[in-house]
Amino acid sequence: MHGDEHVIKFTEACYRENALQPDPRFAAAVQTAQRRIAPRALGGGAATIPSG
């Protein structure tokens, strides 16, 4: 499990939209978000992204 609340909410939104209008780009977007945002347990998340 990823653990970052932003990734979780994004995943839920993509799941809902995919149920209404199936599109493989939703799954691809979730996978990309999971790779790019560090899991919360490892000290990741939006609060730790360096600015500048």
N, C-alpha and C. Protein backbone atom coordinates (compact mmCIF):
# COMPACT_ATOMS: atom_id res chain seq x y z
N MET A 1 0.85 -1.19 0.00
CA MET A 1 0.00 0.00 0.00
C MET A 1 0.89 1.25 0.00
N HIS A 2 0.49 2.24 -0.72
CA HIS A 2 1.31 3.44 -0.90
C HIS A 2 1.35 4.29 0.37
N GLY A 3 0.21 4.70 0.88
CA GLY A 3 0.17 5.45 2.13
C GLY A 3 0.01 6.95 2.02
N ASP A 4 0.41 7.56 0.90
CA ASP A 4 0.27 9.01 0.76
C ASP A 4 -1.19 9.33 0.45
N GLU A 5 -1.77 10.24 1.23
CA GLU A 5 -3.20 10.52 1.08
C GLU A 5 -3.55 11.11 -0.28
N HIS A 6 -2.63 11.83 -0.90
CA HIS A 6 -2.90 12.40 -2.22
C HIS A 6 -2.99 11.30 -3.28
N VAL A 7 -2.09 10.34 -3.18
CA VAL A 7 -2.11 9.22 -4.12
C VAL A 7 -3.37 8.38 -3.92
N ILE A 8 -3.75 8.19 -2.67
CA ILE A 8 -4.96 7.41 -2.38
C ILE A 8 -6.19 8.10 -2.95
N LYS A 9 -6.33 9.39 -2.73
CA LYS A 9 -7.49 10.13 -3.26
C LYS A 9 -7.49 10.15 -4.78
N PHE A 10 -6.31 10.33 -5.37
CA PHE A 10 -6.20 10.33 -6.83
C PHE A 10 -6.59 8.97 -7.39
N THR A 11 -6.14 7.90 -6.73
CA THR A 11 -6.49 6.55 -7.16
C THR A 11 -7.99 6.32 -7.09
N GLU A 12 -8.61 6.76 -6.00
CA GLU A 12 -10.07 6.62 -5.86
C GLU A 12 -10.81 7.38 -6.96
N ALA A 13 -10.35 8.58 -7.27
CA ALA A 13 -11.00 9.38 -8.32
C ALA A 13 -10.86 8.71 -9.68
N CYS A 14 -9.68 8.19 -9.97
CA CYS A 14 -9.47 7.49 -11.24
C CYS A 14 -10.32 6.23 -11.33
N TYR A 15 -10.45 5.52 -10.22
CA TYR A 15 -11.27 4.31 -10.18
C TYR A 15 -12.73 4.64 -10.48
N ARG A 16 -13.23 5.71 -9.85
CA ARG A 16 -14.62 6.14 -10.08
C ARG A 16 -14.85 6.54 -11.53
N GLU A 17 -13.95 7.35 -12.05
CA GLU A 17 -14.09 7.81 -13.44
C GLU A 17 -14.00 6.65 -14.42
N ASN A 18 -13.11 5.71 -14.14
CA ASN A 18 -12.96 4.55 -15.02
C ASN A 18 -14.21 3.68 -15.02
N ALA A 19 -14.90 3.63 -13.89
CA ALA A 19 -16.16 2.87 -13.82
C ALA A 19 -17.23 3.52 -14.69
N LEU A 20 -17.22 4.85 -14.77
CA LEU A 20 -18.20 5.57 -15.58
C LEU A 20 -17.83 5.59 -17.06
N GLN A 21 -16.54 5.74 -17.33
CA GLN A 21 -16.07 5.86 -18.70
C GLN A 21 -14.71 5.15 -18.81
N PRO A 22 -14.73 3.84 -19.04
CA PRO A 22 -13.49 3.06 -19.06
C PRO A 22 -12.44 3.62 -20.03
N ASP A 23 -11.22 3.74 -19.50
CA ASP A 23 -10.12 4.26 -20.30
C ASP A 23 -8.82 3.79 -19.65
N PRO A 24 -7.94 3.14 -20.38
CA PRO A 24 -6.69 2.64 -19.80
C PRO A 24 -5.77 3.74 -19.29
N ARG A 25 -6.03 4.98 -19.68
CA ARG A 25 -5.18 6.09 -19.20
C ARG A 25 -5.37 6.33 -17.70
N PHE A 26 -6.53 5.96 -17.14
CA PHE A 26 -6.73 6.13 -15.70
C PHE A 26 -5.75 5.24 -14.93
N ALA A 27 -5.63 3.98 -15.33
CA ALA A 27 -4.70 3.07 -14.65
C ALA A 27 -3.26 3.55 -14.83
N ALA A 28 -2.94 4.03 -16.02
CA ALA A 28 -1.58 4.53 -16.27
C ALA A 28 -1.28 5.75 -15.40
N ALA A 29 -2.26 6.62 -15.22
CA ALA A 29 -2.07 7.81 -14.39
C ALA A 29 -1.83 7.43 -12.93
N VAL A 30 -2.56 6.43 -12.45
CA VAL A 30 -2.37 5.97 -11.07
C VAL A 30 -0.97 5.39 -10.90
N GLN A 31 -0.54 4.57 -11.84
CA GLN A 31 0.81 3.98 -11.74
C GLN A 31 1.89 5.06 -11.75
N THR A 32 1.71 6.07 -12.57
CA THR A 32 2.67 7.16 -12.62
C THR A 32 2.72 7.92 -11.30
N ALA A 33 1.56 8.21 -10.73
CA ALA A 33 1.51 8.91 -9.44
C ALA A 33 2.18 8.10 -8.35
N GLN A 34 1.96 6.79 -8.35
CA GLN A 34 2.57 5.94 -7.33
C GLN A 34 4.08 5.91 -7.46
N ARG A 35 4.59 5.99 -8.67
CA ARG A 35 6.05 6.00 -8.87
C ARG A 35 6.67 7.34 -8.52
N ARG A 36 5.98 8.42 -8.83
CA ARG A 36 6.57 9.76 -8.67
C ARG A 36 6.45 10.33 -7.27
N ILE A 37 5.46 9.91 -6.51
CA ILE A 37 5.27 10.42 -5.15
C ILE A 37 5.73 9.35 -4.18
N ALA A 38 6.70 9.70 -3.35
CA ALA A 38 7.26 8.74 -2.41
C ALA A 38 6.21 8.31 -1.39
N PRO A 39 6.21 7.02 -1.02
CA PRO A 39 5.26 6.55 0.00
C PRO A 39 5.45 7.30 1.32
N ARG A 40 4.35 7.55 2.01
CA ARG A 40 4.36 8.29 3.27
C ARG A 40 5.26 7.61 4.30
N ALA A 41 5.27 6.29 4.35
CA ALA A 41 6.07 5.56 5.34
C ALA A 41 7.57 5.82 5.16
N LEU A 42 7.98 6.24 3.97
CA LEU A 42 9.39 6.51 3.72
C LEU A 42 9.71 7.99 3.82
N GLY A 43 8.79 8.76 4.37
CA GLY A 43 9.02 10.19 4.53
C GLY A 43 8.68 10.99 3.29
N GLY A 44 7.90 10.42 2.40
CA GLY A 44 7.55 11.10 1.16
C GLY A 44 6.28 11.91 1.29
N GLY A 45 5.75 12.28 0.17
CA GLY A 45 4.52 13.06 0.15
C GLY A 45 4.78 14.48 -0.28
N ALA A 46 3.72 15.22 -0.47
CA ALA A 46 3.82 16.58 -1.00
C ALA A 46 4.65 17.49 -0.10
N ALA A 47 4.64 17.26 1.20
CA ALA A 47 5.35 18.14 2.13
C ALA A 47 6.86 18.05 1.98
N THR A 48 7.37 16.99 1.35
CA THR A 48 8.82 16.82 1.26
C THR A 48 9.38 17.08 -0.14
N ILE A 49 8.56 17.54 -1.06
CA ILE A 49 9.04 17.85 -2.40
C ILE A 49 9.81 19.18 -2.33
N PRO A 50 11.08 19.18 -2.74
CA PRO A 50 11.87 20.41 -2.65
C PRO A 50 11.32 21.50 -3.57
N SER A 51 11.36 22.71 -3.10
CA SER A 51 10.89 23.84 -3.91
C SER A 51 12.09 24.52 -4.54
N GLY A 52 12.10 24.54 -5.86
CA GLY A 52 13.16 25.23 -6.58
C GLY A 52 14.31 24.41 -6.79
